[in-house]
Amino acid sequence: MIRISDAAQAHFAKLLANQEEGTQIRVFVINPGTPNAECGVSYCPPDAVEDTDTALKFEQLTAYVDELSAPYLEDAEIDFVTDQLGSQLTLKAPNAKMPPKSLTMPR
């Protein structure tokens, strides 16, 4: 579903070290399937995990995805890139603005 590079995992692990114990990350899409879709990453404390969330376990962290966002995050990639201008987190989700496959397939 989502690929998180080693560099991004290390970046998140560093940030999570300063949070409440057990806090992980949440990856989500606001206005999914529309031209206004926006992806985001936030902290996900243990008490914010829902029964319907998908837990994606990585080497250094767990990423939670809510069931509404999940189909829109297929093939998403999160990376942490450093260049001469500095560092930045990138999130590419090619399906965020597309209707999910289950809605576009003919019956």
PDB file of N, CA and C in Angstrom:
ATOM      1  N   MET A   1       0.824  -1.198   0.000  1.00  0.00           N
ATOM      2  CA  MET A   1       0.000   0.000   0.000  1.00  0.00           C
ATOM      3  C   MET A   1       0.863   1.255   0.000  1.00  0.00           C
ATOM      4  N   ILE A   2       1.602   1.507   1.067  1.00  0.00           N
ATOM      5  CA  ILE A   2       2.447   2.704   1.175  1.00  0.00           C
ATOM      6  C   ILE A   2       3.893   2.245   1.342  1.00  0.00           C
ATOM      7  N   ARG A   3       4.783   2.884   0.618  1.00  0.00           N
ATOM      8  CA  ARG A   3       6.214   2.620   0.792  1.00  0.00           C
ATOM      9  C   ARG A   3       6.813   3.813   1.532  1.00  0.00           C
ATOM     10  N   ILE A   4       7.531   3.536   2.611  1.00  0.00           N
ATOM     11  CA  ILE A   4       8.215   4.586   3.365  1.00  0.00           C
ATOM     12  C   ILE A   4       9.706   4.275   3.299  1.00  0.00           C
ATOM     13  N   SER A   5      10.479   5.183   2.709  1.00  0.00           N
ATOM     14  CA  SER A   5      11.919   4.960   2.536  1.00  0.00           C
ATOM     15  C   SER A   5      12.616   4.863   3.895  1.00  0.00           C
ATOM     16  N   ASP A   6      13.806   4.281   3.881  1.00  0.00           N
ATOM     17  CA  ASP A   6      14.597   4.186   5.113  1.00  0.00           C
ATOM     18  C   ASP A   6      14.887   5.572   5.682  1.00  0.00           C
ATOM     19  N   ALA A   7      15.172   6.536   4.796  1.00  0.00           N
ATOM     20  CA  ALA A   7      15.459   7.906   5.252  1.00  0.00           C
ATOM     21  C   ALA A   7      14.238   8.515   5.934  1.00  0.00           C
ATOM     22  N   ALA A   8      13.050   8.289   5.371  1.00  0.00           N
ATOM     23  CA  ALA A   8      11.825   8.822   5.980  1.00  0.00           C
ATOM     24  C   ALA A   8      11.535   8.115   7.301  1.00  0.00           C
ATOM     25  N   GLN A   9      11.761   6.805   7.351  1.00  0.00           N
ATOM     26  CA  GLN A   9      11.552   6.082   8.605  1.00  0.00           C
ATOM     27  C   GLN A   9      12.466   6.623   9.701  1.00  0.00           C
ATOM     28  N   ALA A  10      13.716   6.876   9.357  1.00  0.00           N
ATOM     29  CA  ALA A  10      14.664   7.416  10.341  1.00  0.00           C
ATOM     30  C   ALA A  10      14.221   8.799  10.806  1.00  0.00           C
ATOM     31  N   HIS A  11      13.723   9.621   9.885  1.00  0.00           N
ATOM     32  CA  HIS A  11      13.237  10.962  10.225  1.00  0.00           C
ATOM     33  C   HIS A  11      12.044  10.860  11.181  1.00  0.00           C
ATOM     34  N   PHE A  12      11.079   9.999  10.842  1.00  0.00           N
ATOM     35  CA  PHE A  12       9.911   9.828  11.709  1.00  0.00           C
ATOM     36  C   PHE A  12      10.316   9.276  13.072  1.00  0.00           C
ATOM     37  N   ALA A  13      11.230   8.311  13.097  1.00  0.00           N
ATOM     38  CA  ALA A  13      11.670   7.720  14.364  1.00  0.00           C
ATOM     39  C   ALA A  13      12.271   8.783  15.277  1.00  0.00           C
ATOM     40  N   LYS A  14      13.035   9.691  14.696  1.00  0.00           N
ATOM     41  CA  LYS A  14      13.633  10.783  15.475  1.00  0.00           C
ATOM     42  C   LYS A  14      12.541  11.686  16.059  1.00  0.00           C
ATOM     43  N   LEU A  15      11.535  12.014  15.246  1.00  0.00           N
ATOM     44  CA  LEU A  15      10.425  12.850  15.729  1.00  0.00           C
ATOM     45  C   LEU A  15       9.595  12.119  16.780  1.00  0.00           C
ATOM     46  N   LEU A  16       9.350  10.828  16.560  1.00  0.00           N
ATOM     47  CA  LEU A  16       8.520  10.051  17.482  1.00  0.00           C
ATOM     48  C   LEU A  16       9.188   9.853  18.835  1.00  0.00           C
ATOM     49  N   ALA A  17      10.510   9.920  18.886  1.00  0.00           N
ATOM     50  CA  ALA A  17      11.235   9.749  20.148  1.00  0.00           C
ATOM     51  C   ALA A  17      10.868  10.828  21.160  1.00  0.00           C
ATOM     52  N   ASN A  18      10.365  11.966  20.674  1.00  0.00           N
ATOM     53  CA  ASN A  18       9.991  13.076  21.556  1.00  0.00           C
ATOM     54  C   ASN A  18       8.503  13.107  21.879  1.00  0.00           C
ATOM     55  N   GLN A  19       7.765  12.077  21.462  1.00  0.00           N
ATOM     56  CA  GLN A  19       6.325  12.027  21.684  1.00  0.00           C
ATOM     57  C   GLN A  19       5.982  11.032  22.793  1.00  0.00           C
ATOM     58  N   GLU A  20       4.710  11.034  23.185  1.00  0.00           N
ATOM     59  CA  GLU A  20       4.210  10.080  24.169  1.00  0.00           C
ATOM     60  C   GLU A  20       4.580   8.659  23.736  1.00  0.00           C
ATOM     61  N   GLU A  21       4.949   7.822  24.694  1.00  0.00           N
ATOM     62  CA  GLU A  21       5.327   6.447  24.376  1.00  0.00           C
ATOM     63  C   GLU A  21       4.201   5.746  23.618  1.00  0.00           C
ATOM     64  N   GLY A  22       4.558   5.019  22.585  1.00  0.00           N
ATOM     65  CA  GLY A  22       3.572   4.292  21.786  1.00  0.00           C
ATOM     66  C   GLY A  22       2.999   5.086  20.625  1.00  0.00           C
ATOM     67  N   THR A  23       3.343   6.378  20.543  1.00  0.00           N
ATOM     68  CA  THR A  23       2.852   7.207  19.439  1.00  0.00           C
ATOM     69  C   THR A  23       3.518   6.769  18.140  1.00  0.00           C
ATOM     70  N   GLN A  24       2.722   6.665  17.093  1.00  0.00           N
ATOM     71  CA  GLN A  24       3.208   6.291  15.768  1.00  0.00           C
ATOM     72  C   GLN A  24       2.765   7.378  14.791  1.00  0.00           C
ATOM     73  N   ILE A  25       2.642   7.056  13.501  1.00  0.00           N
ATOM     74  CA  ILE A  25       2.179   8.057  12.539  1.00  0.00           C
ATOM     75  C   ILE A  25       0.871   7.608  11.896  1.00  0.00           C
ATOM     76  N   ARG A  26       0.133   8.577  11.405  1.00  0.00           N
ATOM     77  CA  ARG A  26      -1.088   8.332  10.641  1.00  0.00           C
ATOM     78  C   ARG A  26      -0.901   8.997   9.284  1.00  0.00           C
ATOM     79  N   VAL A  27      -1.206   8.262   8.220  1.00  0.00           N
ATOM     80  CA  VAL A  27      -1.175   8.798   6.863  1.00  0.00           C
ATOM     81  C   VAL A  27      -2.626   8.863   6.406  1.00  0.00           C
ATOM     82  N   PHE A  28      -3.021  10.002   5.833  1.00  0.00           N
ATOM     83  CA  PHE A  28      -4.439  10.189   5.509  1.00  0.00           C
ATOM     84  C   PHE A  28      -4.608  11.017   4.246  1.00  0.00           C
ATOM     85  N   VAL A  29      -5.837  11.007   3.729  1.00  0.00           N
ATOM     86  CA  VAL A  29      -6.203  11.834   2.584  1.00  0.00           C
ATOM     87  C   VAL A  29      -7.452  12.613   2.963  1.00  0.00           C
ATOM     88  N   ILE A  30      -7.400  13.941   2.782  1.00  0.00           N
ATOM     89  CA  ILE A  30      -8.565  14.809   2.980  1.00  0.00           C
ATOM     90  C   ILE A  30      -9.185  15.036   1.605  1.00  0.00           C
ATOM     91  N   ASN A  31     -10.496  14.983   1.504  1.00  0.00           N
ATOM     92  CA  ASN A  31     -11.225  15.116   0.232  1.00  0.00           C
ATOM     93  C   ASN A  31     -10.750  14.092  -0.797  1.00  0.00           C
ATOM     94  N   PRO A  32     -10.653  12.816  -0.408  1.00  0.00           N
ATOM     95  CA  PRO A  32     -10.138  11.812  -1.339  1.00  0.00           C
ATOM     96  C   PRO A  32     -11.027  11.651  -2.569  1.00  0.00           C
ATOM     97  N   GLY A  33     -10.388  11.325  -3.691  1.00  0.00           N
ATOM     98  CA  GLY A  33     -11.123  11.082  -4.918  1.00  0.00           C
ATOM     99  C   GLY A  33     -11.641  12.328  -5.602  1.00  0.00           C
ATOM    100  N   THR A  34     -11.169  13.505  -5.158  1.00  0.00           N
ATOM    101  CA  THR A  34     -11.596  14.766  -5.767  1.00  0.00           C
ATOM    102  C   THR A  34     -10.360  15.536  -6.228  1.00  0.00           C
ATOM    103  N   PRO A  35     -10.556  16.544  -7.080  1.00  0.00           N
ATOM    104  CA  PRO A  35      -9.414  17.366  -7.499  1.00  0.00           C
ATOM    105  C   PRO A  35      -8.763  18.117  -6.335  1.00  0.00           C
ATOM    106  N   ASN A  36      -9.491  18.253  -5.216  1.00  0.00           N
ATOM    107  CA  ASN A  36      -8.980  18.976  -4.046  1.00  0.00           C
ATOM    108  C   ASN A  36      -8.333  18.058  -3.011  1.00  0.00           C
ATOM    109  N   ALA A  37      -8.096  16.803  -3.359  1.00  0.00           N
ATOM    110  CA  ALA A  37      -7.527  15.846  -2.408  1.00  0.00           C
ATOM    111  C   ALA A  37      -6.157  16.313  -1.922  1.00  0.00           C
ATOM    112  N   GLU A  38      -5.935  16.150  -0.621  1.00  0.00           N
ATOM    113  CA  GLU A  38      -4.642  16.481  -0.020  1.00  0.00           C
ATOM    114  C   GLU A  38      -4.248  15.360   0.920  1.00  0.00           C
ATOM    115  N   CYS A  39      -2.982  14.963   0.853  1.00  0.00           N
ATOM    116  CA  CYS A  39      -2.461  13.907   1.713  1.00  0.00           C
ATOM    117  C   CYS A  39      -1.718  14.526   2.881  1.00  0.00           C
ATOM    118  N   GLY A  40      -1.681  13.800   3.971  1.00  0.00           N
ATOM    119  CA  GLY A  40      -0.965  14.306   5.126  1.00  0.00           C
ATOM    120  C   GLY A  40      -0.462  13.189   6.014  1.00  0.00           C
ATOM    121  N   VAL A  41       0.426  13.571   6.913  1.00  0.00           N
ATOM    122  CA  VAL A  41       0.980  12.665   7.917  1.00  0.00           C
ATOM    123  C   VAL A  41       0.878  13.389   9.247  1.00  0.00           C
ATOM    124  N   SER A  42       0.407  12.685  10.270  1.00  0.00           N
ATOM    125  CA  SER A  42       0.312  13.288  11.596  1.00  0.00           C
ATOM    126  C   SER A  42       0.745  12.263  12.640  1.00  0.00           C
ATOM    127  N   TYR A  43       0.930  12.742  13.858  1.00  0.00           N
ATOM    128  CA  TYR A  43       1.194  11.828  14.959  1.00  0.00           C
ATOM    129  C   TYR A  43      -0.079  11.047  15.247  1.00  0.00           C
ATOM    130  N   CYS A  44       0.081   9.815  15.694  1.00  0.00           N
ATOM    131  CA  CYS A  44      -1.058   8.973  16.058  1.00  0.00           C
ATOM    132  C   CYS A  44      -0.779   8.356  17.425  1.00  0.00           C
ATOM    133  N   PRO A  45      -1.246   9.044  18.494  1.00  0.00           N
ATOM    134  CA  PRO A  45      -1.052   8.483  19.835  1.00  0.00           C
ATOM    135  C   PRO A  45      -1.838   7.176  19.978  1.00  0.00           C
ATOM    136  N   PRO A  46      -1.454   6.333  20.927  1.00  0.00           N
ATOM    137  CA  PRO A  46      -2.103   5.027  21.081  1.00  0.00           C
ATOM    138  C   PRO A  46      -3.625   5.106  21.217  1.00  0.00           C
ATOM    139  N   ASP A  47      -4.135   6.145  21.879  1.00  0.00           N
ATOM    140  CA  ASP A  47      -5.586   6.238  22.079  1.00  0.00           C
ATOM    141  C   ASP A  47      -6.336   6.757  20.849  1.00  0.00           C
ATOM    142  N   ALA A  48      -5.621   7.065  19.764  1.00  0.00           N
ATOM    143  CA  ALA A  48      -6.264   7.549  18.538  1.00  0.00           C
ATOM    144  C   ALA A  48      -6.394   6.454  17.476  1.00  0.00           C
ATOM    145  N   VAL A  49      -5.918   5.256  17.785  1.00  0.00           N
ATOM    146  CA  VAL A  49      -6.013   4.153  16.826  1.00  0.00           C
ATOM    147  C   VAL A  49      -7.438   3.604  16.860  1.00  0.00           C
ATOM    148  N   GLU A  50      -8.049   3.496  15.676  1.00  0.00           N
ATOM    149  CA  GLU A  50      -9.416   2.988  15.547  1.00  0.00           C
ATOM    150  C   GLU A  50      -9.389   1.508  15.156  1.00  0.00           C
ATOM    151  N   ASP A  51     -10.457   0.780  15.504  1.00  0.00           N
ATOM    152  CA  ASP A  51     -10.552  -0.639  15.154  1.00  0.00           C
ATOM    153  C   ASP A  51     -10.509  -0.865  13.650  1.00  0.00           C
ATOM    154  N   THR A  52     -10.975   0.114  12.879  1.00  0.00           N
ATOM    155  CA  THR A  52     -11.040  -0.029  11.423  1.00  0.00           C
ATOM    156  C   THR A  52      -9.764   0.434  10.716  1.00  0.00           C
ATOM    157  N   ASP A  53      -8.784   0.934  11.468  1.00  0.00           N
ATOM    158  CA  ASP A  53      -7.515   1.364  10.874  1.00  0.00           C
ATOM    159  C   ASP A  53      -6.718   0.159  10.377  1.00  0.00           C
ATOM    160  N   THR A  54      -5.949   0.387   9.338  1.00  0.00           N
ATOM    161  CA  THR A  54      -4.980  -0.597   8.875  1.00  0.00           C
ATOM    162  C   THR A  54      -3.630  -0.207   9.461  1.00  0.00           C
ATOM    163  N   ALA A  55      -2.959  -1.161  10.094  1.00  0.00           N
ATOM    164  CA  ALA A  55      -1.633  -0.915  10.665  1.00  0.00           C
ATOM    165  C   ALA A  55      -0.587  -1.449   9.691  1.00  0.00           C
ATOM    166  N   LEU A  56       0.264  -0.559   9.209  1.00  0.00           N
ATOM    167  CA  LEU A  56       1.349  -0.938   8.308  1.00  0.00           C
ATOM    168  C   LEU A  56       2.643  -0.905   9.105  1.00  0.00           C
ATOM    169  N   LYS A  57       3.211  -2.059   9.347  1.00  0.00           N
ATOM    170  CA  LYS A  57       4.406  -2.150  10.188  1.00  0.00           C
ATOM    171  C   LYS A  57       5.660  -2.031   9.329  1.00  0.00           C
ATOM    172  N   PHE A  58       6.509  -1.101   9.712  1.00  0.00           N
ATOM    173  CA  PHE A  58       7.789  -0.882   9.055  1.00  0.00           C
ATOM    174  C   PHE A  58       8.886  -1.172  10.068  1.00  0.00           C
ATOM    175  N   GLU A  59      10.118  -1.149   9.626  1.00  0.00           N
ATOM    176  CA  GLU A  59      11.236  -1.493  10.503  1.00  0.00           C
ATOM    177  C   GLU A  59      11.316  -0.582  11.727  1.00  0.00           C
ATOM    178  N   GLN A  60      11.073   0.734  11.547  1.00  0.00           N
ATOM    179  CA  GLN A  60      11.268   1.681  12.645  1.00  0.00           C
ATOM    180  C   GLN A  60       9.982   2.279  13.203  1.00  0.00           C
ATOM    181  N   LEU A  61       8.844   1.949  12.607  1.00  0.00           N
ATOM    182  CA  LEU A  61       7.593   2.558  13.060  1.00  0.00           C
ATOM    183  C   LEU A  61       6.405   1.817  12.482  1.00  0.00           C
ATOM    184  N   THR A  62       5.218   2.205  12.945  1.00  0.00           N
ATOM    185  CA  THR A  62       3.963   1.711  12.382  1.00  0.00           C
ATOM    186  C   THR A  62       3.203   2.906  11.844  1.00  0.00           C
ATOM    187  N   ALA A  63       2.650   2.748  10.647  1.00  0.00           N
ATOM    188  CA  ALA A  63       1.828   3.800  10.044  1.00  0.00           C
ATOM    189  C   ALA A  63       0.390   3.308  10.038  1.00  0.00           C
ATOM    190  N   TYR A  64      -0.514   4.124  10.558  1.00  0.00           N
ATOM    191  CA  TYR A  64      -1.931   3.784  10.570  1.00  0.00           C
ATOM    192  C   TYR A  64      -2.639   4.529   9.453  1.00  0.00           C
ATOM    193  N   VAL A  65      -3.566   3.826   8.796  1.00  0.00           N
ATOM    194  CA  VAL A  65      -4.343   4.404   7.702  1.00  0.00           C
ATOM    195  C   VAL A  65      -5.808   4.109   7.978  1.00  0.00           C
ATOM    196  N   ASP A  66      -6.655   5.144   7.923  1.00  0.00           N
ATOM    197  CA  ASP A  66      -8.082   4.931   8.141  1.00  0.00           C
ATOM    198  C   ASP A  66      -8.686   4.272   6.905  1.00  0.00           C
ATOM    199  N   GLU A  67      -9.828   3.595   7.088  1.00  0.00           N
ATOM    200  CA  GLU A  67     -10.393   2.812   5.986  1.00  0.00           C
ATOM    201  C   GLU A  67     -10.855   3.670   4.816  1.00  0.00           C
ATOM    202  N   LEU A  68     -11.234   4.917   5.037  1.00  0.00           N
ATOM    203  CA  LEU A  68     -11.641   5.789   3.938  1.00  0.00           C
ATOM    204  C   LEU A  68     -10.439   6.182   3.077  1.00  0.00           C
ATOM    205  N   SER A  69      -9.297   6.443   3.703  1.00  0.00           N
ATOM    206  CA  SER A  69      -8.100   6.867   2.969  1.00  0.00           C
ATOM    207  C   SER A  69      -7.389   5.711   2.264  1.00  0.00           C
ATOM    208  N   ALA A  70      -7.515   4.503   2.783  1.00  0.00           N
ATOM    209  CA  ALA A  70      -6.723   3.365   2.306  1.00  0.00           C
ATOM    210  C   ALA A  70      -6.715   3.179   0.790  1.00  0.00           C
ATOM    211  N   PRO A  71      -7.870   3.150   0.104  1.00  0.00           N
ATOM    212  CA  PRO A  71      -7.800   2.903  -1.341  1.00  0.00           C
ATOM    213  C   PRO A  71      -7.092   4.014  -2.113  1.00  0.00           C
ATOM    214  N   TYR A  72      -7.089   5.201  -1.574  1.00  0.00           N
ATOM    215  CA  TYR A  72      -6.465   6.344  -2.242  1.00  0.00           C
ATOM    216  C   TYR A  72      -4.955   6.397  -2.009  1.00  0.00           C
ATOM    217  N   LEU A  73      -4.480   5.590  -1.068  1.00  0.00           N
ATOM    218  CA  LEU A  73      -3.052   5.572  -0.753  1.00  0.00           C
ATOM    219  C   LEU A  73      -2.329   4.379  -1.376  1.00  0.00           C
ATOM    220  N   GLU A  74      -3.025   3.640  -2.244  1.00  0.00           N
ATOM    221  CA  GLU A  74      -2.363   2.566  -2.988  1.00  0.00           C
ATOM    222  C   GLU A  74      -1.203   3.172  -3.772  1.00  0.00           C
ATOM    223  N   ASP A  75      -0.062   2.541  -3.732  1.00  0.00           N
ATOM    224  CA  ASP A  75       1.142   2.969  -4.464  1.00  0.00           C
ATOM    225  C   ASP A  75       1.724   4.295  -3.971  1.00  0.00           C
ATOM    226  N   ALA A  76       1.339   4.738  -2.779  1.00  0.00           N
ATOM    227  CA  ALA A  76       1.895   5.984  -2.229  1.00  0.00           C
ATOM    228  C   ALA A  76       3.331   5.747  -1.759  1.00  0.00           C
ATOM    229  N   GLU A  77       4.127   6.810  -1.819  1.00  0.00           N
ATOM    230  CA  GLU A  77       5.521   6.750  -1.379  1.00  0.00           C
ATOM    231  C   GLU A  77       5.838   7.962  -0.518  1.00  0.00           C
ATOM    232  N   ILE A  78       6.497   7.700   0.603  1.00  0.00           N
ATOM    233  CA  ILE A  78       6.957   8.775   1.477  1.00  0.00           C
ATOM    234  C   ILE A  78       8.477   8.686   1.527  1.00  0.00           C
ATOM    235  N   ASP A  79       9.130   9.823   1.320  1.00  0.00           N
ATOM    236  CA  ASP A  79      10.590   9.858   1.322  1.00  0.00           C
ATOM    237  C   ASP A  79      11.049  11.101   2.075  1.00  0.00           C
ATOM    238  N   PHE A  80      12.293  11.094   2.505  1.00  0.00           N
ATOM    239  CA  PHE A  80      12.913  12.247   3.146  1.00  0.00           C
ATOM    240  C   PHE A  80      14.147  12.565   2.325  1.00  0.00           C
ATOM    241  N   VAL A  81      14.122  13.710   1.654  1.00  0.00           N
ATOM    242  CA  VAL A  81      15.148  14.068   0.679  1.00  0.00           C
ATOM    243  C   VAL A  81      15.982  15.231   1.203  1.00  0.00           C
ATOM    244  N   THR A  82      17.298  15.115   1.049  1.00  0.00           N
ATOM    245  CA  THR A  82      18.215  16.186   1.436  1.00  0.00           C
ATOM    246  C   THR A  82      18.984  16.635   0.201  1.00  0.00           C
ATOM    247  N   ASP A  83      19.024  17.956  -0.003  1.00  0.00           N
ATOM    248  CA  ASP A  83      19.816  18.516  -1.105  1.00  0.00           C
ATOM    249  C   ASP A  83      20.505  19.786  -0.610  1.00  0.00           C
ATOM    250  N   GLN A  84      21.067  20.590  -1.542  1.00  0.00           N
ATOM    251  CA  GLN A  84      21.804  21.796  -1.133  1.00  0.00           C
ATOM    252  C   GLN A  84      20.920  22.801  -0.391  1.00  0.00           C
ATOM    253  N   LEU A  85      19.624  22.761  -0.660  1.00  0.00           N
ATOM    254  CA  LEU A  85      18.711  23.725  -0.050  1.00  0.00           C
ATOM    255  C   LEU A  85      18.186  23.277   1.310  1.00  0.00           C
ATOM    256  N   GLY A  86      18.440  22.033   1.677  1.00  0.00           N
ATOM    257  CA  GLY A  86      17.962  21.541   2.961  1.00  0.00           C
ATOM    258  C   GLY A  86      17.304  20.179   2.822  1.00  0.00           C
ATOM    259  N   SER A  87      16.411  19.879   3.744  1.00  0.00           N
ATOM    260  CA  SER A  87      15.734  18.581   3.771  1.00  0.00           C
ATOM    261  C   SER A  87      14.236  18.784   3.713  1.00  0.00           C
ATOM    262  N   GLN A  88      13.562  17.800   3.109  1.00  0.00           N
ATOM    263  CA  GLN A  88      12.103  17.871   3.112  1.00  0.00           C
ATOM    264  C   GLN A  88      11.508  16.480   2.997  1.00  0.00           C
ATOM    265  N   LEU A  89      10.346  16.340   3.587  1.00  0.00           N
ATOM    266  CA  LEU A  89       9.576  15.113   3.510  1.00  0.00           C
ATOM    267  C   LEU A  89       8.701  15.204   2.270  1.00  0.00           C
ATOM    268  N   THR A  90       8.678  14.157   1.464  1.00  0.00           N
ATOM    269  CA  THR A  90       7.820  14.148   0.282  1.00  0.00           C
ATOM    270  C   THR A  90       6.828  13.002   0.391  1.00  0.00           C
ATOM    271  N   LEU A  91       5.602  13.261  -0.005  1.00  0.00           N
ATOM    272  CA  LEU A  91       4.560  12.247  -0.015  1.00  0.00           C
ATOM    273  C   LEU A  91       3.931  12.273  -1.402  1.00  0.00           C
ATOM    274  N   LYS A  92       4.105  11.188  -2.134  1.00  0.00           N
ATOM    275  CA  LYS A  92       3.520  11.082  -3.471  1.00  0.00           C
ATOM    276  C   LYS A  92       2.435  10.019  -3.419  1.00  0.00           C
ATOM    277  N   ALA A  93       1.219  10.412  -3.736  1.00  0.00           N
ATOM    278  CA  ALA A  93       0.082   9.491  -3.725  1.00  0.00           C
ATOM    279  C   ALA A  93      -0.663   9.638  -5.050  1.00  0.00           C
ATOM    280  N   PRO A  94      -0.265   8.871  -6.056  1.00  0.00           N
ATOM    281  CA  PRO A  94      -0.834   9.046  -7.389  1.00  0.00           C
ATOM    282  C   PRO A  94      -2.330   8.780  -7.489  1.00  0.00           C
ATOM    283  N   ASN A  95      -2.901   8.068  -6.525  1.00  0.00           N
ATOM    284  CA  ASN A  95      -4.327   7.739  -6.591  1.00  0.00           C
ATOM    285  C   ASN A  95      -5.206   8.611  -5.703  1.00  0.00           C
ATOM    286  N   ALA A  96      -4.635   9.590  -5.022  1.00  0.00           N
ATOM    287  CA  ALA A  96      -5.398  10.390  -4.058  1.00  0.00           C
ATOM    288  C   ALA A  96      -6.568  11.132  -4.693  1.00  0.00           C
ATOM    289  N   LYS A  97      -6.396  11.584  -5.929  1.00  0.00           N
ATOM    290  CA  LYS A  97      -7.444  12.369  -6.588  1.00  0.00           C
ATOM    291  C   LYS A  97      -8.335  11.527  -7.494  1.00  0.00           C
ATOM    292  N   MET A  98      -8.031  10.239  -7.600  1.00  0.00           N
ATOM    293  CA  MET A  98      -8.792   9.343  -8.470  1.00  0.00           C
ATOM    294  C   MET A  98      -9.855   8.604  -7.667  1.00  0.00           C
ATOM    295  N   PRO A  99     -11.010   8.327  -8.288  1.00  0.00           N
ATOM    296  CA  PRO A  99     -11.979   7.464  -7.598  1.00  0.00           C
ATOM    297  C   PRO A  99     -11.337   6.095  -7.377  1.00  0.00           C
ATOM    298  N   PRO A 100     -11.646   5.433  -6.255  1.00  0.00           N
ATOM    299  CA  PRO A 100     -11.045   4.115  -6.024  1.00  0.00           C
ATOM    300  C   PRO A 100     -11.473   3.141  -7.113  1.00  0.00           C
ATOM    301  N   LYS A 101     -10.632   2.130  -7.369  1.00  0.00           N
ATOM    302  CA  LYS A 101     -10.899   1.164  -8.432  1.00  0.00           C
ATOM    303  C   LYS A 101     -12.265   0.516  -8.291  1.00  0.00           C
ATOM    304  N   SER A 102     -12.699   0.277  -7.074  1.00  0.00           N
ATOM    305  CA  SER A 102     -13.995  -0.376  -6.870  1.00  0.00           C
ATOM    306  C   SER A 102     -15.146   0.490  -7.375  1.00  0.00           C
ATOM    307  N   LEU A 103     -14.936   1.813  -7.461  1.00  0.00           N
ATOM    308  CA  LEU A 103     -15.987   2.703  -7.949  1.00  0.00           C
ATOM    309  C   LEU A 103     -15.913   2.921  -9.452  1.00  0.00           C
ATOM    310  N   THR A 104     -14.803   2.576 -10.077  1.00  0.00           N
ATOM    311  CA  THR A 104     -14.642   2.845 -11.503  1.00  0.00           C
ATOM    312  C   THR A 104     -14.779   1.602 -12.368  1.00  0.00           C
ATOM    313  N   MET A 105     -14.855   0.439 -11.773  1.00  0.00           N
ATOM    314  CA  MET A 105     -14.957  -0.784 -12.561  1.00  0.00           C
ATOM    315  C   MET A 105     -16.388  -0.996 -13.036  1.00  0.00           C
ATOM    316  N   PRO A 106     -16.560  -1.405 -14.297  1.00  0.00           N
ATOM    317  CA  PRO A 106     -17.917  -1.692 -14.776  1.00  0.00           C
ATOM    318  C   PRO A 106     -18.474  -2.913 -14.075  1.00  0.00           C
ATOM    319  N   ARG A 107     -19.756  -2.934 -13.927  1.00  0.00           N
ATOM    320  CA  ARG A 107     -20.411  -4.064 -13.246  1.00  0.00           C
ATOM    321  C   ARG A 107     -20.963  -5.035 -14.251  1.00  0.00           C
TER     322      ARG A 107
END
